[in-house]
Amino acid sequence: MGKRSFVPLFWTLFSVGGVVAAFLIPIHLFLFGLAFPLGWIQPPTYERLLALARLPLVRLYLFVLCSLPLFHWAHRFRYTLYDGLQVKHLNELIILGTYGGAIVGTLVAGYLLWSL
């Protein structure tokens, strides 16, 4: 059997992470950056947000919101280093730094959401 490549997995995580970043993060930025502070919408209390964040489906949503954009960043940054700085000779180090950082960030997000 031939050597398997993880490249399709990385491109999938890049794509899904980009969709999550493009559609979901602006909603949160609008709500918590404009609508609540400017009084356009009544903000929820801290206790209400904490109770909401303890629901399993909301935890899953927040996990996806945190982790998939990290993989989008990792893939984009990796190829930015390759194309912009021409450092393809550091391939293994760049892969370890970018995707390793995304994995660590995902694990930290999972731990923090699990411990709510």
PDB file of N, CA and C in Angstrom:
ATOM      1  N   MET A   1       0.849  -1.182   0.000  1.00  0.00           N
ATOM      2  CA  MET A   1       0.000   0.000   0.000  1.00  0.00           C
ATOM      3  C   MET A   1       0.892   1.242   0.000  1.00  0.00           C
ATOM      4  N   GLY A   2       0.534   2.248  -0.760  1.00  0.00           N
ATOM      5  CA  GLY A   2       1.331   3.449  -0.905  1.00  0.00           C
ATOM      6  C   GLY A   2       1.269   4.348   0.319  1.00  0.00           C
ATOM      7  N   LYS A   3       2.131   5.335   0.338  1.00  0.00           N
ATOM      8  CA  LYS A   3       2.190   6.294   1.430  1.00  0.00           C
ATOM      9  C   LYS A   3       0.964   7.210   1.373  1.00  0.00           C
ATOM     10  N   ARG A   4       0.309   7.347   2.515  1.00  0.00           N
ATOM     11  CA  ARG A   4      -0.872   8.209   2.574  1.00  0.00           C
ATOM     12  C   ARG A   4      -0.456   9.638   2.874  1.00  0.00           C
ATOM     13  N   SER A   5      -1.195  10.567   2.304  1.00  0.00           N
ATOM     14  CA  SER A   5      -0.899  11.975   2.496  1.00  0.00           C
ATOM     15  C   SER A   5      -1.998  12.620   3.343  1.00  0.00           C
ATOM     16  N   PHE A   6      -1.580  13.543   4.186  1.00  0.00           N
ATOM     17  CA  PHE A   6      -2.532  14.291   4.998  1.00  0.00           C
ATOM     18  C   PHE A   6      -2.943  15.600   4.327  1.00  0.00           C
ATOM     19  N   VAL A   7      -2.456  15.859   3.138  1.00  0.00           N
ATOM     20  CA  VAL A   7      -2.744  17.113   2.447  1.00  0.00           C
ATOM     21  C   VAL A   7      -4.245  17.329   2.235  1.00  0.00           C
ATOM     22  N   PRO A   8      -5.024  16.314   1.797  1.00  0.00           N
ATOM     23  CA  PRO A   8      -6.468  16.553   1.650  1.00  0.00           C
ATOM     24  C   PRO A   8      -7.153  16.922   2.977  1.00  0.00           C
ATOM     25  N   LEU A   9      -6.707  16.330   4.076  1.00  0.00           N
ATOM     26  CA  LEU A   9      -7.272  16.676   5.382  1.00  0.00           C
ATOM     27  C   LEU A   9      -6.977  18.129   5.725  1.00  0.00           C
ATOM     28  N   PHE A  10      -5.748  18.575   5.480  1.00  0.00           N
ATOM     29  CA  PHE A  10      -5.388  19.966   5.775  1.00  0.00           C
ATOM     30  C   PHE A  10      -6.176  20.941   4.910  1.00  0.00           C
ATOM     31  N   TRP A  11      -6.378  20.604   3.631  1.00  0.00           N
ATOM     32  CA  TRP A  11      -7.166  21.478   2.764  1.00  0.00           C
ATOM     33  C   TRP A  11      -8.636  21.511   3.205  1.00  0.00           C
ATOM     34  N   THR A  12      -9.152  20.388   3.693  1.00  0.00           N
ATOM     35  CA  THR A  12     -10.527  20.359   4.188  1.00  0.00           C
ATOM     36  C   THR A  12     -10.666  21.222   5.431  1.00  0.00           C
ATOM     37  N   LEU A  13      -9.733  21.088   6.369  1.00  0.00           N
ATOM     38  CA  LEU A  13      -9.773  21.918   7.571  1.00  0.00           C
ATOM     39  C   LEU A  13      -9.618  23.393   7.220  1.00  0.00           C
ATOM     40  N   PHE A  14      -8.773  23.697   6.233  1.00  0.00           N
ATOM     41  CA  PHE A  14      -8.618  25.071   5.767  1.00  0.00           C
ATOM     42  C   PHE A  14      -9.941  25.616   5.242  1.00  0.00           C
ATOM     43  N   SER A  15     -10.605  24.841   4.418  1.00  0.00           N
ATOM     44  CA  SER A  15     -11.852  25.281   3.808  1.00  0.00           C
ATOM     45  C   SER A  15     -12.960  25.479   4.838  1.00  0.00           C
ATOM     46  N   VAL A  16     -13.158  24.485   5.677  1.00  0.00           N
ATOM     47  CA  VAL A  16     -14.217  24.577   6.687  1.00  0.00           C
ATOM     48  C   VAL A  16     -13.906  25.681   7.687  1.00  0.00           C
ATOM     49  N   GLY A  17     -12.650  25.808   8.066  1.00  0.00           N
ATOM     50  CA  GLY A  17     -12.258  26.881   8.978  1.00  0.00           C
ATOM     51  C   GLY A  17     -12.492  28.253   8.382  1.00  0.00           C
ATOM     52  N   GLY A  18     -12.265  28.388   7.082  1.00  0.00           N
ATOM     53  CA  GLY A  18     -12.532  29.660   6.418  1.00  0.00           C
ATOM     54  C   GLY A  18     -14.004  30.002   6.387  1.00  0.00           C
ATOM     55  N   VAL A  19     -14.833  28.997   6.172  1.00  0.00           N
ATOM     56  CA  VAL A  19     -16.295  29.227   6.178  1.00  0.00           C
ATOM     57  C   VAL A  19     -16.753  29.639   7.569  1.00  0.00           C
ATOM     58  N   VAL A  20     -16.272  28.937   8.585  1.00  0.00           N
ATOM     59  CA  VAL A  20     -16.637  29.285   9.962  1.00  0.00           C
ATOM     60  C   VAL A  20     -16.177  30.708  10.282  1.00  0.00           C
ATOM     61  N   ALA A  21     -14.941  31.030   9.923  1.00  0.00           N
ATOM     62  CA  ALA A  21     -14.413  32.360  10.199  1.00  0.00           C
ATOM     63  C   ALA A  21     -15.180  33.443   9.444  1.00  0.00           C
ATOM     64  N   ALA A  22     -15.591  33.152   8.235  1.00  0.00           N
ATOM     65  CA  ALA A  22     -16.260  34.162   7.416  1.00  0.00           C
ATOM     66  C   ALA A  22     -17.712  34.387   7.820  1.00  0.00           C
ATOM     67  N   PHE A  23     -18.385  33.342   8.284  1.00  0.00           N
ATOM     68  CA  PHE A  23     -19.808  33.481   8.578  1.00  0.00           C
ATOM     69  C   PHE A  23     -20.133  33.659  10.051  1.00  0.00           C
ATOM     70  N   LEU A  24     -19.419  33.004  10.936  1.00  0.00           N
ATOM     71  CA  LEU A  24     -19.805  33.015  12.343  1.00  0.00           C
ATOM     72  C   LEU A  24     -19.092  34.080  13.172  1.00  0.00           C
ATOM     73  N   ILE A  25     -17.807  34.294  12.933  1.00  0.00           N
ATOM     74  CA  ILE A  25     -17.076  35.274  13.731  1.00  0.00           C
ATOM     75  C   ILE A  25     -17.630  36.690  13.548  1.00  0.00           C
ATOM     76  N   PRO A  26     -17.998  37.136  12.339  1.00  0.00           N
ATOM     77  CA  PRO A  26     -18.584  38.487  12.226  1.00  0.00           C
ATOM     78  C   PRO A  26     -19.871  38.659  13.032  1.00  0.00           C
ATOM     79  N   ILE A  27     -20.647  37.602  13.185  1.00  0.00           N
ATOM     80  CA  ILE A  27     -21.862  37.698  13.993  1.00  0.00           C
ATOM     81  C   ILE A  27     -21.502  37.998  15.443  1.00  0.00           C
ATOM     82  N   HIS A  28     -20.520  37.290  15.961  1.00  0.00           N
ATOM     83  CA  HIS A  28     -20.088  37.510  17.343  1.00  0.00           C
ATOM     84  C   HIS A  28     -19.451  38.885  17.511  1.00  0.00           C
ATOM     85  N   LEU A  29     -18.668  39.311  16.537  1.00  0.00           N
ATOM     86  CA  LEU A  29     -18.074  40.637  16.600  1.00  0.00           C
ATOM     87  C   LEU A  29     -19.144  41.720  16.590  1.00  0.00           C
ATOM     88  N   PHE A  30     -20.170  41.548  15.772  1.00  0.00           N
ATOM     89  CA  PHE A  30     -21.246  42.523  15.734  1.00  0.00           C
ATOM     90  C   PHE A  30     -21.980  42.583  17.077  1.00  0.00           C
ATOM     91  N   LEU A  31     -22.340  41.417  17.605  1.00  0.00           N
ATOM     92  CA  LEU A  31     -23.092  41.383  18.858  1.00  0.00           C
ATOM     93  C   LEU A  31     -22.288  41.939  20.025  1.00  0.00           C
ATOM     94  N   PHE A  32     -21.086  41.388  20.250  1.00  0.00           N
ATOM     95  CA  PHE A  32     -20.307  41.743  21.431  1.00  0.00           C
ATOM     96  C   PHE A  32     -19.444  42.985  21.239  1.00  0.00           C
ATOM     97  N   GLY A  33     -19.251  43.424  20.001  1.00  0.00           N
ATOM     98  CA  GLY A  33     -18.440  44.603  19.737  1.00  0.00           C
ATOM     99  C   GLY A  33     -19.234  45.853  19.446  1.00  0.00           C
ATOM    100  N   LEU A  34     -20.462  45.690  18.935  1.00  0.00           N
ATOM    101  CA  LEU A  34     -21.276  46.861  18.592  1.00  0.00           C
ATOM    102  C   LEU A  34     -22.655  46.852  19.249  1.00  0.00           C
ATOM    103  N   ALA A  35     -23.426  45.821  18.983  1.00  0.00           N
ATOM    104  CA  ALA A  35     -24.841  45.828  19.377  1.00  0.00           C
ATOM    105  C   ALA A  35     -25.023  45.897  20.890  1.00  0.00           C
ATOM    106  N   PHE A  36     -24.310  45.088  21.647  1.00  0.00           N
ATOM    107  CA  PHE A  36     -24.450  45.112  23.107  1.00  0.00           C
ATOM    108  C   PHE A  36     -23.849  46.379  23.718  1.00  0.00           C
ATOM    109  N   PRO A  37     -22.603  46.759  23.371  1.00  0.00           N
ATOM    110  CA  PRO A  37     -22.034  47.965  23.997  1.00  0.00           C
ATOM    111  C   PRO A  37     -22.779  49.256  23.653  1.00  0.00           C
ATOM    112  N   LEU A  38     -23.322  49.346  22.444  1.00  0.00           N
ATOM    113  CA  LEU A  38     -24.017  50.565  22.046  1.00  0.00           C
ATOM    114  C   LEU A  38     -25.488  50.571  22.456  1.00  0.00           C
ATOM    115  N   GLY A  39     -25.944  49.483  23.063  1.00  0.00           N
ATOM    116  CA  GLY A  39     -27.317  49.430  23.552  1.00  0.00           C
ATOM    117  C   GLY A  39     -28.355  49.146  22.491  1.00  0.00           C
ATOM    118  N   TRP A  40     -27.956  48.698  21.322  1.00  0.00           N
ATOM    119  CA  TRP A  40     -28.920  48.372  20.274  1.00  0.00           C
ATOM    120  C   TRP A  40     -29.732  47.144  20.660  1.00  0.00           C
ATOM    121  N   ILE A  41     -29.092  46.225  21.364  1.00  0.00           N
ATOM    122  CA  ILE A  41     -29.739  44.995  21.842  1.00  0.00           C
ATOM    123  C   ILE A  41     -29.409  44.869  23.321  1.00  0.00           C
ATOM    124  N   GLN A  42     -30.389  44.438  24.099  1.00  0.00           N
ATOM    125  CA  GLN A  42     -30.156  44.241  25.529  1.00  0.00           C
ATOM    126  C   GLN A  42     -29.153  43.101  25.731  1.00  0.00           C
ATOM    127  N   PRO A  43     -28.019  43.362  26.387  1.00  0.00           N
ATOM    128  CA  PRO A  43     -27.027  42.298  26.561  1.00  0.00           C
ATOM    129  C   PRO A  43     -27.480  41.275  27.597  1.00  0.00           C
ATOM    130  N   PRO A  44     -27.095  40.025  27.394  1.00  0.00           N
ATOM    131  CA  PRO A  44     -27.418  39.014  28.408  1.00  0.00           C
ATOM    132  C   PRO A  44     -26.521  39.196  29.636  1.00  0.00           C
ATOM    133  N   THR A  45     -26.991  38.727  30.754  1.00  0.00           N
ATOM    134  CA  THR A  45     -26.192  38.797  31.969  1.00  0.00           C
ATOM    135  C   THR A  45     -25.080  37.748  31.908  1.00  0.00           C
ATOM    136  N   TYR A  46     -24.091  37.927  32.758  1.00  0.00           N
ATOM    137  CA  TYR A  46     -22.997  36.970  32.819  1.00  0.00           C
ATOM    138  C   TYR A  46     -23.512  35.584  33.183  1.00  0.00           C
ATOM    139  N   GLU A  47     -24.420  35.528  34.133  1.00  0.00           N
ATOM    140  CA  GLU A  47     -24.963  34.237  34.572  1.00  0.00           C
ATOM    141  C   GLU A  47     -25.698  33.547  33.435  1.00  0.00           C
ATOM    142  N   ARG A  48     -26.435  34.318  32.630  1.00  0.00           N
ATOM    143  CA  ARG A  48     -27.162  33.744  31.497  1.00  0.00           C
ATOM    144  C   ARG A  48     -26.192  33.209  30.432  1.00  0.00           C
ATOM    145  N   LEU A  49     -25.139  33.972  30.149  1.00  0.00           N
ATOM    146  CA  LEU A  49     -24.144  33.506  29.174  1.00  0.00           C
ATOM    147  C   LEU A  49     -23.433  32.250  29.673  1.00  0.00           C
ATOM    148  N   LEU A  50     -23.117  32.211  30.960  1.00  0.00           N
ATOM    149  CA  LEU A  50     -22.457  31.043  31.518  1.00  0.00           C
ATOM    150  C   LEU A  50     -23.377  29.823  31.475  1.00  0.00           C
ATOM    151  N   ALA A  51     -24.649  30.017  31.798  1.00  0.00           N
ATOM    152  CA  ALA A  51     -25.610  28.910  31.731  1.00  0.00           C
ATOM    153  C   ALA A  51     -25.761  28.420  30.288  1.00  0.00           C
ATOM    154  N   LEU A  52     -25.760  29.350  29.348  1.00  0.00           N
ATOM    155  CA  LEU A  52     -25.855  28.983  27.937  1.00  0.00           C
ATOM    156  C   LEU A  52     -24.611  28.215  27.492  1.00  0.00           C
ATOM    157  N   ALA A  53     -23.450  28.666  27.934  1.00  0.00           N
ATOM    158  CA  ALA A  53     -22.193  28.022  27.542  1.00  0.00           C
ATOM    159  C   ALA A  53     -22.042  26.629  28.148  1.00  0.00           C
ATOM    160  N   ARG A  54     -22.807  26.314  29.156  1.00  0.00           N
ATOM    161  CA  ARG A  54     -22.731  24.987  29.770  1.00  0.00           C
ATOM    162  C   ARG A  54     -23.590  23.954  29.054  1.00  0.00           C
ATOM    163  N   LEU A  55     -24.401  24.373  28.106  1.00  0.00           N
ATOM    164  CA  LEU A  55     -25.200  23.427  27.332  1.00  0.00           C
ATOM    165  C   LEU A  55     -24.290  22.681  26.349  1.00  0.00           C
ATOM    166  N   PRO A  56     -24.471  21.374  26.213  1.00  0.00           N
ATOM    167  CA  PRO A  56     -23.570  20.585  25.356  1.00  0.00           C
ATOM    168  C   PRO A  56     -23.533  21.056  23.896  1.00  0.00           C
ATOM    169  N   LEU A  57     -24.667  21.410  23.343  1.00  0.00           N
ATOM    170  CA  LEU A  57     -24.692  21.849  21.942  1.00  0.00           C
ATOM    171  C   LEU A  57     -23.969  23.187  21.773  1.00  0.00           C
ATOM    172  N   VAL A  58     -24.098  24.064  22.754  1.00  0.00           N
ATOM    173  CA  VAL A  58     -23.403  25.356  22.703  1.00  0.00           C
ATOM    174  C   VAL A  58     -21.902  25.146  22.877  1.00  0.00           C
ATOM    175  N   ARG A  59     -21.518  24.214  23.729  1.00  0.00           N
ATOM    176  CA  ARG A  59     -20.093  23.896  23.885  1.00  0.00           C
ATOM    177  C   ARG A  59     -19.513  23.385  22.568  1.00  0.00           C
ATOM    178  N   LEU A  60     -20.250  22.541  21.890  1.00  0.00           N
ATOM    179  CA  LEU A  60     -19.796  22.036  20.597  1.00  0.00           C
ATOM    180  C   LEU A  60     -19.661  23.184  19.595  1.00  0.00           C
ATOM    181  N   TYR A  61     -20.647  24.076  19.577  1.00  0.00           N
ATOM    182  CA  TYR A  61     -20.606  25.245  18.693  1.00  0.00           C
ATOM    183  C   TYR A  61     -19.378  26.107  19.001  1.00  0.00           C
ATOM    184  N   LEU A  62     -19.138  26.386  20.277  1.00  0.00           N
ATOM    185  CA  LEU A  62     -17.992  27.211  20.656  1.00  0.00           C
ATOM    186  C   LEU A  62     -16.670  26.517  20.338  1.00  0.00           C
ATOM    187  N   PHE A  63     -16.632  25.192  20.477  1.00  0.00           N
ATOM    188  CA  PHE A  63     -15.438  24.437  20.125  1.00  0.00           C
ATOM    189  C   PHE A  63     -15.142  24.565  18.633  1.00  0.00           C
ATOM    190  N   VAL A  64     -16.154  24.418  17.811  1.00  0.00           N
ATOM    191  CA  VAL A  64     -15.998  24.579  16.356  1.00  0.00           C
ATOM    192  C   VAL A  64     -15.588  26.009  16.029  1.00  0.00           C
ATOM    193  N   LEU A  65     -16.205  26.977  16.707  1.00  0.00           N
ATOM    194  CA  LEU A  65     -15.902  28.389  16.483  1.00  0.00           C
ATOM    195  C   LEU A  65     -14.450  28.714  16.829  1.00  0.00           C
ATOM    196  N   CYS A  66     -13.890  28.029  17.802  1.00  0.00           N
ATOM    197  CA  CYS A  66     -12.503  28.274  18.208  1.00  0.00           C
ATOM    198  C   CYS A  66     -11.501  27.462  17.393  1.00  0.00           C
ATOM    199  N   SER A  67     -11.799  26.196  17.146  1.00  0.00           N
ATOM    200  CA  SER A  67     -10.777  25.305  16.596  1.00  0.00           C
ATOM    201  C   SER A  67     -10.629  25.393  15.077  1.00  0.00           C
ATOM    202  N   LEU A  68     -11.706  25.396  14.342  1.00  0.00           N
ATOM    203  CA  LEU A  68     -11.577  25.349  12.879  1.00  0.00           C
ATOM    204  C   LEU A  68     -10.899  26.586  12.292  1.00  0.00           C
ATOM    205  N   PRO A  69     -11.170  27.805  12.780  1.00  0.00           N
ATOM    206  CA  PRO A  69     -10.388  28.936  12.262  1.00  0.00           C
ATOM    207  C   PRO A  69      -8.893  28.849  12.571  1.00  0.00           C
ATOM    208  N   LEU A  70      -8.527  28.139  13.637  1.00  0.00           N
ATOM    209  CA  LEU A  70      -7.101  27.936  13.907  1.00  0.00           C
ATOM    210  C   LEU A  70      -6.448  27.117  12.800  1.00  0.00           C
ATOM    211  N   PHE A  71      -7.138  26.099  12.318  1.00  0.00           N
ATOM    212  CA  PHE A  71      -6.586  25.297  11.223  1.00  0.00           C
ATOM    213  C   PHE A  71      -6.578  26.084   9.910  1.00  0.00           C
ATOM    214  N   HIS A  72      -7.555  26.953   9.734  1.00  0.00           N
ATOM    215  CA  HIS A  72      -7.553  27.839   8.569  1.00  0.00           C
ATOM    216  C   HIS A  72      -6.314  28.742   8.622  1.00  0.00           C
ATOM    217  N   TRP A  73      -6.069  29.314   9.792  1.00  0.00           N
ATOM    218  CA  TRP A  73      -4.889  30.160   9.959  1.00  0.00           C
ATOM    219  C   TRP A  73      -3.613  29.371   9.691  1.00  0.00           C
ATOM    220  N   ALA A  74      -3.521  28.172  10.256  1.00  0.00           N
ATOM    221  CA  ALA A  74      -2.303  27.374  10.125  1.00  0.00           C
ATOM    222  C   ALA A  74      -1.990  27.098   8.657  1.00  0.00           C
ATOM    223  N   HIS A  75      -2.995  26.708   7.907  1.00  0.00           N
ATOM    224  CA  HIS A  75      -2.777  26.387   6.498  1.00  0.00           C
ATOM    225  C   HIS A  75      -2.402  27.641   5.711  1.00  0.00           C
ATOM    226  N   ARG A  76      -3.115  28.729   5.964  1.00  0.00           N
ATOM    227  CA  ARG A  76      -2.827  29.980   5.253  1.00  0.00           C
ATOM    228  C   ARG A  76      -1.433  30.491   5.599  1.00  0.00           C
ATOM    229  N   PHE A  77      -1.075  30.449   6.870  1.00  0.00           N
ATOM    230  CA  PHE A  77       0.233  30.939   7.295  1.00  0.00           C
ATOM    231  C   PHE A  77       1.358  30.066   6.741  1.00  0.00           C
ATOM    232  N   ARG A  78       1.115  28.771   6.709  1.00  0.00           N
ATOM    233  CA  ARG A  78       2.109  27.852   6.151  1.00  0.00           C
ATOM    234  C   ARG A  78       2.427  28.215   4.702  1.00  0.00           C
ATOM    235  N   TYR A  79       1.400  28.385   3.896  1.00  0.00           N
ATOM    236  CA  TYR A  79       1.635  28.686   2.486  1.00  0.00           C
ATOM    237  C   TYR A  79       2.091  30.120   2.272  1.00  0.00           C
ATOM    238  N   THR A  80       1.775  31.015   3.195  1.00  0.00           N
ATOM    239  CA  THR A  80       2.321  32.368   3.125  1.00  0.00           C
ATOM    240  C   THR A  80       3.828  32.328   3.333  1.00  0.00           C
ATOM    241  N   LEU A  81       4.263  31.516   4.286  1.00  0.00           N
ATOM    242  CA  LEU A  81       5.707  31.372   4.503  1.00  0.00           C
ATOM    243  C   LEU A  81       6.384  30.736   3.293  1.00  0.00           C
ATOM    244  N   TYR A  82       5.750  29.736   2.707  1.00  0.00           N
ATOM    245  CA  TYR A  82       6.334  29.079   1.539  1.00  0.00           C
ATOM    246  C   TYR A  82       6.452  30.036   0.361  1.00  0.00           C
ATOM    247  N   ASP A  83       5.352  30.718   0.048  1.00  0.00           N
ATOM    248  CA  ASP A  83       5.319  31.547  -1.150  1.00  0.00           C
ATOM    249  C   ASP A  83       5.972  32.909  -0.943  1.00  0.00           C
ATOM    250  N   GLY A  84       5.742  33.513   0.203  1.00  0.00           N
ATOM    251  CA  GLY A  84       6.250  34.865   0.433  1.00  0.00           C
ATOM    252  C   GLY A  84       7.714  34.909   0.824  1.00  0.00           C
ATOM    253  N   LEU A  85       8.097  34.030   1.727  1.00  0.00           N
ATOM    254  CA  LEU A  85       9.470  34.062   2.222  1.00  0.00           C
ATOM    255  C   LEU A  85      10.375  33.014   1.588  1.00  0.00           C
ATOM    256  N   GLN A  86       9.790  32.151   0.771  1.00  0.00           N
ATOM    257  CA  GLN A  86      10.558  31.116   0.071  1.00  0.00           C
ATOM    258  C   GLN A  86      11.370  30.260   1.052  1.00  0.00           C
ATOM    259  N   VAL A  87      10.689  29.710   2.052  1.00  0.00           N
ATOM    260  CA  VAL A  87      11.371  28.898   3.057  1.00  0.00           C
ATOM    261  C   VAL A  87      10.887  27.449   3.003  1.00  0.00           C
ATOM    262  N   LYS A  88      10.739  26.915   1.812  1.00  0.00           N
ATOM    263  CA  LYS A  88      10.280  25.535   1.665  1.00  0.00           C
ATOM    264  C   LYS A  88      11.265  24.529   2.248  1.00  0.00           C
ATOM    265  N   HIS A  89      12.497  24.926   2.422  1.00  0.00           N
ATOM    266  CA  HIS A  89      13.491  24.021   2.993  1.00  0.00           C
ATOM    267  C   HIS A  89      13.224  23.762   4.485  1.00  0.00           C
ATOM    268  N   LEU A  90      12.385  24.567   5.109  1.00  0.00           N
ATOM    269  CA  LEU A  90      12.010  24.376   6.513  1.00  0.00           C
ATOM    270  C   LEU A  90      10.640  23.719   6.636  1.00  0.00           C
ATOM    271  N   ASN A  91      10.294  22.885   5.679  1.00  0.00           N
ATOM    272  CA  ASN A  91       8.961  22.295   5.580  1.00  0.00           C
ATOM    273  C   ASN A  91       8.500  21.636   6.875  1.00  0.00           C
ATOM    274  N   GLU A  92       9.303  20.753   7.430  1.00  0.00           N
ATOM    275  CA  GLU A  92       8.887  20.015   8.632  1.00  0.00           C
ATOM    276  C   GLU A  92       8.714  20.944   9.821  1.00  0.00           C
ATOM    277  N   LEU A  93       9.598  21.905   9.973  1.00  0.00           N
ATOM    278  CA  LEU A  93       9.509  22.851  11.086  1.00  0.00           C
ATOM    279  C   LEU A  93       8.267  23.732  10.960  1.00  0.00           C
ATOM    280  N   ILE A  94       7.973  24.165   9.754  1.00  0.00           N
ATOM    281  CA  ILE A  94       6.791  25.005   9.534  1.00  0.00           C
ATOM    282  C   ILE A  94       5.517  24.217   9.782  1.00  0.00           C
ATOM    283  N   ILE A  95       5.460  22.987   9.305  1.00  0.00           N
ATOM    284  CA  ILE A  95       4.283  22.149   9.538  1.00  0.00           C
ATOM    285  C   ILE A  95       4.092  21.920  11.036  1.00  0.00           C
ATOM    286  N   LEU A  96       5.167  21.623  11.731  1.00  0.00           N
ATOM    287  CA  LEU A  96       5.085  21.401  13.175  1.00  0.00           C
ATOM    288  C   LEU A  96       4.615  22.666  13.899  1.00  0.00           C
ATOM    289  N   GLY A  97       5.149  23.802  13.515  1.00  0.00           N
ATOM    290  CA  GLY A  97       4.776  25.058  14.174  1.00  0.00           C
ATOM    291  C   GLY A  97       3.348  25.482  13.899  1.00  0.00           C
ATOM    292  N   THR A  98       2.920  25.400  12.642  1.00  0.00           N
ATOM    293  CA  THR A  98       1.593  25.892  12.297  1.00  0.00           C
ATOM    294  C   THR A  98       0.497  24.922  12.728  1.00  0.00           C
ATOM    295  N   TYR A  99       0.563  23.700  12.243  1.00  0.00           N
ATOM    296  CA  TYR A  99      -0.482  22.735  12.595  1.00  0.00           C
ATOM    297  C   TYR A  99      -0.372  22.297  14.059  1.00  0.00           C
ATOM    298  N   GLY A 100       0.855  22.250  14.567  1.00  0.00           N
ATOM    299  CA  GLY A 100       1.018  21.964  15.988  1.00  0.00           C
ATOM    300  C   GLY A 100       0.386  23.044  16.840  1.00  0.00           C
ATOM    301  N   GLY A 101       0.563  24.299  16.446  1.00  0.00           N
ATOM    302  CA  GLY A 101      -0.079  25.403  17.160  1.00  0.00           C
ATOM    303  C   GLY A 101      -1.593  25.310  17.105  1.00  0.00           C
ATOM    304  N   ALA A 102      -2.125  24.934  15.942  1.00  0.00           N
ATOM    305  CA  ALA A 102      -3.573  24.780  15.806  1.00  0.00           C
ATOM    306  C   ALA A 102      -4.081  23.626  16.667  1.00  0.00           C
ATOM    307  N   ILE A 103      -3.313  22.551  16.731  1.00  0.00           N
ATOM    308  CA  ILE A 103      -3.717  21.412  17.569  1.00  0.00           C
ATOM    309  C   ILE A 103      -3.671  21.796  19.044  1.00  0.00           C
ATOM    310  N   VAL A 104      -2.619  22.486  19.458  1.00  0.00           N
ATOM    311  CA  VAL A 104      -2.529  22.926  20.858  1.00  0.00           C
ATOM    312  C   VAL A 104      -3.673  23.886  21.186  1.00  0.00           C
ATOM    313  N   GLY A 105      -3.954  24.828  20.301  1.00  0.00           N
ATOM    314  CA  GLY A 105      -5.070  25.747  20.518  1.00  0.00           C
ATOM    315  C   GLY A 105      -6.403  25.022  20.605  1.00  0.00           C
ATOM    316  N   THR A 106      -6.576  24.007  19.791  1.00  0.00           N
ATOM    317  CA  THR A 106      -7.799  23.209  19.827  1.00  0.00           C
ATOM    318  C   THR A 106      -7.912  22.453  21.146  1.00  0.00           C
ATOM    319  N   LEU A 107      -6.803  21.884  21.603  1.00  0.00           N
ATOM    320  CA  LEU A 107      -6.814  21.170  22.881  1.00  0.00           C
ATOM    321  C   LEU A 107      -7.107  22.118  24.046  1.00  0.00           C
ATOM    322  N   VAL A 108      -6.532  23.312  24.014  1.00  0.00           N
ATOM    323  CA  VAL A 108      -6.788  24.294  25.068  1.00  0.00           C
ATOM    324  C   VAL A 108      -8.260  24.724  25.048  1.00  0.00           C
ATOM    325  N   ALA A 109      -8.802  24.968  23.871  1.00  0.00           N
ATOM    326  CA  ALA A 109     -10.221  25.337  23.767  1.00  0.00           C
ATOM    327  C   ALA A 109     -11.100  24.213  24.284  1.00  0.00           C
ATOM    328  N   GLY A 110     -10.787  22.974  23.919  1.00  0.00           N
ATOM    329  CA  GLY A 110     -11.564  21.836  24.407  1.00  0.00           C
ATOM    330  C   GLY A 110     -11.490  21.706  25.919  1.00  0.00           C
ATOM    331  N   TYR A 111     -10.298  21.875  26.472  1.00  0.00           N
ATOM    332  CA  TYR A 111     -10.146  21.794  27.929  1.00  0.00           C
ATOM    333  C   TYR A 111     -10.940  22.899  28.634  1.00  0.00           C
ATOM    334  N   LEU A 112     -10.828  24.129  28.141  1.00  0.00           N
ATOM    335  CA  LEU A 112     -11.542  25.234  28.772  1.00  0.00           C
ATOM    336  C   LEU A 112     -13.051  25.073  28.673  1.00  0.00           C
ATOM    337  N   LEU A 113     -13.530  24.610  27.541  1.00  0.00           N
ATOM    338  CA  LEU A 113     -14.981  24.394  27.395  1.00  0.00           C
ATOM    339  C   LEU A 113     -15.445  23.216  28.227  1.00  0.00           C
ATOM    340  N   TRP A 114     -14.626  22.190  28.346  1.00  0.00           N
ATOM    341  CA  TRP A 114     -14.988  21.016  29.145  1.00  0.00           C
ATOM    342  C   TRP A 114     -15.058  21.381  30.628  1.00  0.00           C
ATOM    343  N   SER A 115     -14.199  22.313  31.062  1.00  0.00           N
ATOM    344  CA  SER A 115     -14.122  22.634  32.482  1.00  0.00           C
ATOM    345  C   SER A 115     -15.079  23.749  32.908  1.00  0.00           C
ATOM    346  N   LEU A 116     -15.962  24.182  32.060  1.00  0.00           N
ATOM    347  CA  LEU A 116     -16.943  25.221  32.442  1.00  0.00           C
ATOM    348  C   LEU A 116     -17.855  24.734  33.531  1.00  0.00           C
TER     349      LEU A 116
END
